Amino acid sequence: MNANSELTAHDFEMPSLPPQRGEVWLSVELSAIHDRPIANVMKSLIEAGYQPQLRYRQLPDRLAVFALLKHEQHESLPEGYLEDELETLAELVPPEAISSPRNYGKRPVTMV
């Protein structure tokens, strides 16, 4: 989207599953965090250097709300891409709230 475009509902949707070839995204499902206020989670993510974008995914039984942290396109990915980042992120939020199109790193990362 560029500065002259109007926003549409699609601009707020999570990237589609399965990801396109070379597509990488990393997000936190805010609606899965129940032990602290979402404002505190967002503040922690910003302090960690992220610029979270609020996104949603309509699931059959509920609406899931996410903080999209990365959405990138790569020709190839180095071994262990996102591994350190996932470990750091798992110290900020519950690991089960972290989602990515693939399981990178040592921590369990859910597919959402």
N, C-alpha and C. Protein backbone atom coordinates (compact mmCIF):
# COMPACT_ATOMS: atom_id res chain seq x y z
N MET A 1 0.84 -1.17 0.00
CA MET A 1 0.00 0.00 0.00
C MET A 1 0.88 1.23 0.00
N ASN A 2 0.56 2.22 -0.78
CA ASN A 2 1.34 3.45 -0.78
C ASN A 2 0.55 4.56 -0.10
N ALA A 3 1.19 5.70 0.07
CA ALA A 3 0.59 6.81 0.82
C ALA A 3 -0.67 7.35 0.16
N ASN A 4 -0.80 7.18 -1.15
CA ASN A 4 -1.96 7.71 -1.86
C ASN A 4 -3.12 6.73 -1.92
N SER A 5 -2.95 5.52 -1.43
CA SER A 5 -3.98 4.49 -1.48
C SER A 5 -4.95 4.64 -0.32
N GLU A 6 -6.16 4.19 -0.54
CA GLU A 6 -7.13 4.13 0.54
C GLU A 6 -7.02 2.76 1.20
N LEU A 7 -7.23 2.73 2.50
CA LEU A 7 -7.19 1.47 3.22
C LEU A 7 -8.43 0.65 2.91
N THR A 8 -8.24 -0.65 2.83
CA THR A 8 -9.35 -1.58 2.68
C THR A 8 -9.26 -2.60 3.80
N ALA A 9 -10.30 -3.37 3.98
CA ALA A 9 -10.30 -4.41 5.01
C ALA A 9 -9.14 -5.39 4.78
N HIS A 10 -8.80 -5.65 3.53
CA HIS A 10 -7.72 -6.59 3.21
C HIS A 10 -6.38 -6.12 3.79
N ASP A 11 -6.19 -4.81 3.92
CA ASP A 11 -4.93 -4.28 4.46
C ASP A 11 -4.70 -4.68 5.91
N PHE A 12 -5.74 -5.15 6.59
CA PHE A 12 -5.64 -5.51 7.99
C PHE A 12 -5.69 -7.01 8.23
N GLU A 13 -5.78 -7.80 7.16
CA GLU A 13 -5.81 -9.25 7.29
C GLU A 13 -4.39 -9.78 7.46
N MET A 14 -4.28 -10.91 8.15
CA MET A 14 -3.00 -11.60 8.25
C MET A 14 -2.63 -12.15 6.89
N PRO A 15 -1.33 -12.36 6.65
CA PRO A 15 -0.93 -13.03 5.40
C PRO A 15 -1.62 -14.39 5.29
N SER A 16 -1.87 -14.81 4.07
CA SER A 16 -2.62 -16.05 3.88
C SER A 16 -1.74 -17.28 4.10
N LEU A 17 -2.42 -18.36 4.47
CA LEU A 17 -1.78 -19.67 4.64
C LEU A 17 -2.22 -20.56 3.50
N PRO A 18 -1.37 -21.39 2.96
CA PRO A 18 0.06 -21.44 3.24
C PRO A 18 0.77 -20.23 2.64
N PRO A 19 1.95 -19.91 3.18
CA PRO A 19 2.69 -18.77 2.63
C PRO A 19 3.14 -19.05 1.20
N GLN A 20 3.32 -17.97 0.46
CA GLN A 20 3.86 -18.10 -0.89
C GLN A 20 5.33 -18.50 -0.79
N ARG A 21 5.87 -19.01 -1.87
CA ARG A 21 7.29 -19.40 -1.88
C ARG A 21 8.16 -18.20 -1.51
N GLY A 22 9.01 -18.39 -0.53
CA GLY A 22 9.93 -17.35 -0.08
C GLY A 22 9.33 -16.34 0.88
N GLU A 23 8.04 -16.46 1.17
CA GLU A 23 7.38 -15.53 2.07
C GLU A 23 7.61 -15.94 3.52
N VAL A 24 7.95 -14.98 4.34
CA VAL A 24 8.19 -15.21 5.76
C VAL A 24 7.41 -14.18 6.54
N TRP A 25 6.68 -14.62 7.54
CA TRP A 25 6.06 -13.67 8.45
C TRP A 25 6.17 -14.18 9.87
N LEU A 26 6.14 -13.23 10.78
CA LEU A 26 6.26 -13.53 12.20
C LEU A 26 5.24 -12.65 12.92
N SER A 27 4.46 -13.25 13.80
CA SER A 27 3.44 -12.48 14.50
C SER A 27 3.20 -13.03 15.89
N VAL A 28 2.48 -12.24 16.67
CA VAL A 28 2.04 -12.64 18.00
C VAL A 28 0.52 -12.55 18.00
N GLU A 29 -0.13 -13.64 18.39
CA GLU A 29 -1.59 -13.61 18.49
C GLU A 29 -1.97 -12.96 19.81
N LEU A 30 -2.39 -11.72 19.73
CA LEU A 30 -2.75 -10.95 20.92
C LEU A 30 -3.96 -11.55 21.62
N SER A 31 -4.88 -12.09 20.84
CA SER A 31 -6.09 -12.65 21.43
C SER A 31 -5.82 -13.95 22.19
N ALA A 32 -4.60 -14.47 22.13
CA ALA A 32 -4.24 -15.68 22.87
C ALA A 32 -3.51 -15.37 24.17
N ILE A 33 -3.29 -14.09 24.45
CA ILE A 33 -2.57 -13.69 25.66
C ILE A 33 -3.59 -13.21 26.68
N HIS A 34 -3.64 -13.91 27.81
CA HIS A 34 -4.65 -13.61 28.82
C HIS A 34 -4.06 -13.20 30.16
N ASP A 35 -2.73 -13.22 30.27
CA ASP A 35 -2.12 -12.97 31.58
C ASP A 35 -1.66 -11.53 31.79
N ARG A 36 -1.85 -10.67 30.78
CA ARG A 36 -1.47 -9.26 30.93
C ARG A 36 -2.23 -8.41 29.92
N PRO A 37 -2.32 -7.12 30.17
CA PRO A 37 -3.02 -6.24 29.23
C PRO A 37 -2.31 -6.18 27.87
N ILE A 38 -3.08 -6.13 26.82
CA ILE A 38 -2.51 -6.09 25.46
C ILE A 38 -1.65 -4.84 25.28
N ALA A 39 -2.03 -3.73 25.91
CA ALA A 39 -1.22 -2.52 25.82
C ALA A 39 0.20 -2.77 26.33
N ASN A 40 0.33 -3.56 27.39
CA ASN A 40 1.66 -3.89 27.92
C ASN A 40 2.44 -4.78 26.96
N VAL A 41 1.74 -5.71 26.31
CA VAL A 41 2.40 -6.58 25.32
C VAL A 41 2.91 -5.73 24.16
N MET A 42 2.06 -4.84 23.65
CA MET A 42 2.46 -3.98 22.53
C MET A 42 3.65 -3.10 22.93
N LYS A 43 3.63 -2.56 24.14
CA LYS A 43 4.74 -1.74 24.61
C LYS A 43 6.03 -2.55 24.64
N SER A 44 5.96 -3.79 25.13
CA SER A 44 7.15 -4.66 25.18
C SER A 44 7.69 -4.94 23.77
N LEU A 45 6.79 -5.17 22.82
CA LEU A 45 7.21 -5.44 21.45
C LEU A 45 7.88 -4.21 20.84
N ILE A 46 7.32 -3.05 21.09
CA ILE A 46 7.92 -1.81 20.57
C ILE A 46 9.27 -1.56 21.21
N GLU A 47 9.38 -1.77 22.52
CA GLU A 47 10.65 -1.59 23.21
C GLU A 47 11.70 -2.58 22.72
N ALA A 48 11.26 -3.74 22.22
CA ALA A 48 12.20 -4.73 21.68
C ALA A 48 12.62 -4.39 20.24
N GLY A 49 12.09 -3.29 19.70
CA GLY A 49 12.51 -2.84 18.38
C GLY A 49 11.56 -3.16 17.24
N TYR A 50 10.43 -3.77 17.55
CA TYR A 50 9.44 -4.08 16.51
C TYR A 50 8.54 -2.88 16.26
N GLN A 51 7.93 -2.88 15.09
CA GLN A 51 6.89 -1.91 14.75
C GLN A 51 5.64 -2.72 14.43
N PRO A 52 4.97 -3.22 15.48
CA PRO A 52 3.85 -4.13 15.26
C PRO A 52 2.70 -3.47 14.51
N GLN A 53 2.14 -4.24 13.58
CA GLN A 53 0.96 -3.81 12.84
C GLN A 53 -0.20 -4.70 13.28
N LEU A 54 -1.32 -4.09 13.66
CA LEU A 54 -2.47 -4.87 14.07
C LEU A 54 -3.11 -5.52 12.85
N ARG A 55 -3.36 -6.82 12.96
CA ARG A 55 -3.98 -7.59 11.87
C ARG A 55 -4.97 -8.56 12.48
N TYR A 56 -5.82 -9.12 11.64
CA TYR A 56 -6.81 -10.09 12.11
C TYR A 56 -6.89 -11.28 11.16
N ARG A 57 -7.44 -12.36 11.67
CA ARG A 57 -7.78 -13.53 10.86
C ARG A 57 -9.12 -14.04 11.36
N GLN A 58 -10.08 -14.14 10.46
CA GLN A 58 -11.40 -14.66 10.82
C GLN A 58 -11.31 -16.18 10.77
N LEU A 59 -11.46 -16.81 11.93
CA LEU A 59 -11.45 -18.25 12.04
C LEU A 59 -12.89 -18.74 12.11
N PRO A 60 -13.14 -20.01 11.88
CA PRO A 60 -14.53 -20.50 11.90
C PRO A 60 -15.26 -20.22 13.22
N ASP A 61 -14.54 -20.26 14.33
CA ASP A 61 -15.19 -20.10 15.63
C ASP A 61 -14.87 -18.82 16.37
N ARG A 62 -13.99 -17.98 15.81
CA ARG A 62 -13.62 -16.76 16.53
C ARG A 62 -12.82 -15.82 15.63
N LEU A 63 -12.63 -14.63 16.12
CA LEU A 63 -11.80 -13.64 15.46
C LEU A 63 -10.47 -13.60 16.21
N ALA A 64 -9.37 -13.81 15.51
CA ALA A 64 -8.05 -13.76 16.12
C ALA A 64 -7.39 -12.44 15.75
N VAL A 65 -6.79 -11.79 16.73
CA VAL A 65 -6.13 -10.49 16.53
C VAL A 65 -4.63 -10.68 16.74
N PHE A 66 -3.85 -10.13 15.82
CA PHE A 66 -2.40 -10.34 15.82
C PHE A 66 -1.64 -9.02 15.81
N ALA A 67 -0.41 -9.08 16.28
CA ALA A 67 0.59 -8.04 16.05
C ALA A 67 1.55 -8.63 15.02
N LEU A 68 1.48 -8.15 13.79
CA LEU A 68 2.38 -8.62 12.74
C LEU A 68 3.72 -7.92 12.92
N LEU A 69 4.77 -8.70 13.10
CA LEU A 69 6.10 -8.16 13.40
C LEU A 69 7.01 -8.14 12.19
N LYS A 70 6.86 -9.13 11.34
CA LYS A 70 7.67 -9.23 10.11
C LYS A 70 6.81 -9.79 9.00
N HIS A 71 7.02 -9.29 7.81
CA HIS A 71 6.41 -9.86 6.62
C HIS A 71 7.39 -9.59 5.50
N GLU A 72 8.14 -10.62 5.12
CA GLU A 72 9.27 -10.48 4.20
C GLU A 72 9.18 -11.48 3.06
N GLN A 73 9.93 -11.19 2.03
CA GLN A 73 10.07 -12.10 0.88
C GLN A 73 11.56 -12.38 0.71
N HIS A 74 11.94 -13.66 0.60
CA HIS A 74 13.34 -14.05 0.46
C HIS A 74 13.50 -15.06 -0.67
N GLU A 75 14.61 -14.96 -1.36
CA GLU A 75 14.95 -15.98 -2.37
C GLU A 75 15.33 -17.28 -1.67
N SER A 76 16.13 -17.15 -0.61
CA SER A 76 16.51 -18.31 0.18
C SER A 76 16.73 -17.83 1.61
N LEU A 77 16.62 -18.77 2.54
CA LEU A 77 16.78 -18.43 3.95
C LEU A 77 17.98 -19.16 4.52
N PRO A 78 18.81 -18.46 5.30
CA PRO A 78 19.93 -19.14 5.93
C PRO A 78 19.44 -20.11 6.99
N GLU A 79 20.24 -21.11 7.28
CA GLU A 79 19.92 -22.08 8.32
C GLU A 79 19.71 -21.34 9.64
N GLY A 80 18.66 -21.67 10.34
CA GLY A 80 18.39 -21.07 11.63
C GLY A 80 17.82 -19.67 11.58
N TYR A 81 17.32 -19.24 10.39
CA TYR A 81 16.74 -17.91 10.27
C TYR A 81 15.61 -17.76 11.29
N LEU A 82 15.61 -16.69 12.02
CA LEU A 82 14.65 -16.34 13.07
C LEU A 82 14.88 -17.08 14.39
N GLU A 83 15.81 -18.01 14.47
CA GLU A 83 15.99 -18.80 15.69
C GLU A 83 16.24 -17.94 16.91
N ASP A 84 17.24 -17.05 16.85
CA ASP A 84 17.53 -16.19 18.00
C ASP A 84 16.37 -15.25 18.28
N GLU A 85 15.78 -14.74 17.22
CA GLU A 85 14.65 -13.82 17.38
C GLU A 85 13.47 -14.49 18.06
N LEU A 86 13.20 -15.74 17.70
CA LEU A 86 12.11 -16.47 18.32
C LEU A 86 12.37 -16.72 19.80
N GLU A 87 13.60 -17.01 20.14
CA GLU A 87 13.93 -17.23 21.55
C GLU A 87 13.74 -15.96 22.36
N THR A 88 14.17 -14.83 21.80
CA THR A 88 14.00 -13.55 22.48
C THR A 88 12.53 -13.20 22.59
N LEU A 89 11.78 -13.41 21.52
CA LEU A 89 10.35 -13.12 21.52
C LEU A 89 9.61 -13.97 22.54
N ALA A 90 10.04 -15.22 22.70
CA ALA A 90 9.39 -16.12 23.66
C ALA A 90 9.64 -15.70 25.10
N GLU A 91 10.59 -14.81 25.33
CA GLU A 91 10.79 -14.25 26.67
C GLU A 91 9.82 -13.09 26.93
N LEU A 92 9.27 -12.52 25.86
CA LEU A 92 8.36 -11.38 25.97
C LEU A 92 6.90 -11.80 26.02
N VAL A 93 6.57 -12.85 25.30
CA VAL A 93 5.18 -13.31 25.20
C VAL A 93 5.15 -14.82 25.35
N PRO A 94 4.00 -15.38 25.69
CA PRO A 94 3.92 -16.84 25.77
C PRO A 94 4.26 -17.48 24.41
N PRO A 95 5.11 -18.50 24.40
CA PRO A 95 5.51 -19.11 23.12
C PRO A 95 4.33 -19.58 22.28
N GLU A 96 3.24 -20.00 22.92
CA GLU A 96 2.09 -20.48 22.14
C GLU A 96 1.37 -19.35 21.40
N ALA A 97 1.68 -18.09 21.73
CA ALA A 97 1.08 -16.96 21.02
C ALA A 97 1.88 -16.54 19.80
N ILE A 98 3.09 -17.10 19.64
CA ILE A 98 3.95 -16.76 18.51
C ILE A 98 3.54 -17.59 17.31
N SER A 99 3.37 -16.94 16.17
CA SER A 99 3.03 -17.69 14.97
C SER A 99 3.92 -17.26 13.81
N SER A 100 4.17 -18.23 12.95
CA SER A 100 5.02 -18.05 11.78
C SER A 100 4.61 -19.11 10.78
N PRO A 101 4.85 -18.90 9.50
CA PRO A 101 4.40 -19.90 8.53
C PRO A 101 5.18 -21.20 8.58
N ARG A 102 6.30 -21.21 9.28
CA ARG A 102 7.11 -22.42 9.41
C ARG A 102 7.59 -22.50 10.85
N ASN A 103 8.06 -23.66 11.26
CA ASN A 103 8.61 -23.80 12.60
C ASN A 103 10.11 -23.55 12.55
N TYR A 104 10.52 -22.36 12.93
CA TYR A 104 11.94 -22.02 12.99
C TYR A 104 12.38 -22.07 14.44
N GLY A 105 13.60 -22.46 14.65
CA GLY A 105 14.16 -22.38 15.99
C GLY A 105 13.81 -23.57 16.86
N LYS A 106 14.20 -23.46 18.11
CA LYS A 106 14.06 -24.56 19.06
C LYS A 106 12.72 -24.52 19.79
N ARG A 107 12.11 -23.37 19.88
CA ARG A 107 10.85 -23.24 20.62
C ARG A 107 9.67 -23.66 19.74
N PRO A 108 8.62 -24.19 20.36
CA PRO A 108 7.45 -24.54 19.55
C PRO A 108 6.78 -23.27 19.02
N VAL A 109 6.54 -23.23 17.74
CA VAL A 109 5.88 -22.09 17.12
C VAL A 109 4.64 -22.63 16.43
N THR A 110 3.51 -22.07 16.77
CA THR A 110 2.25 -22.60 16.24
C THR A 110 1.96 -22.05 14.86
N MET A 111 1.23 -22.84 14.13
CA MET A 111 0.72 -22.40 12.83
C MET A 111 -0.67 -21.87 13.08
N VAL A 112 -0.93 -20.64 12.68
CA VAL A 112 -2.25 -20.06 12.86
C VAL A 112 -2.79 -19.64 11.52
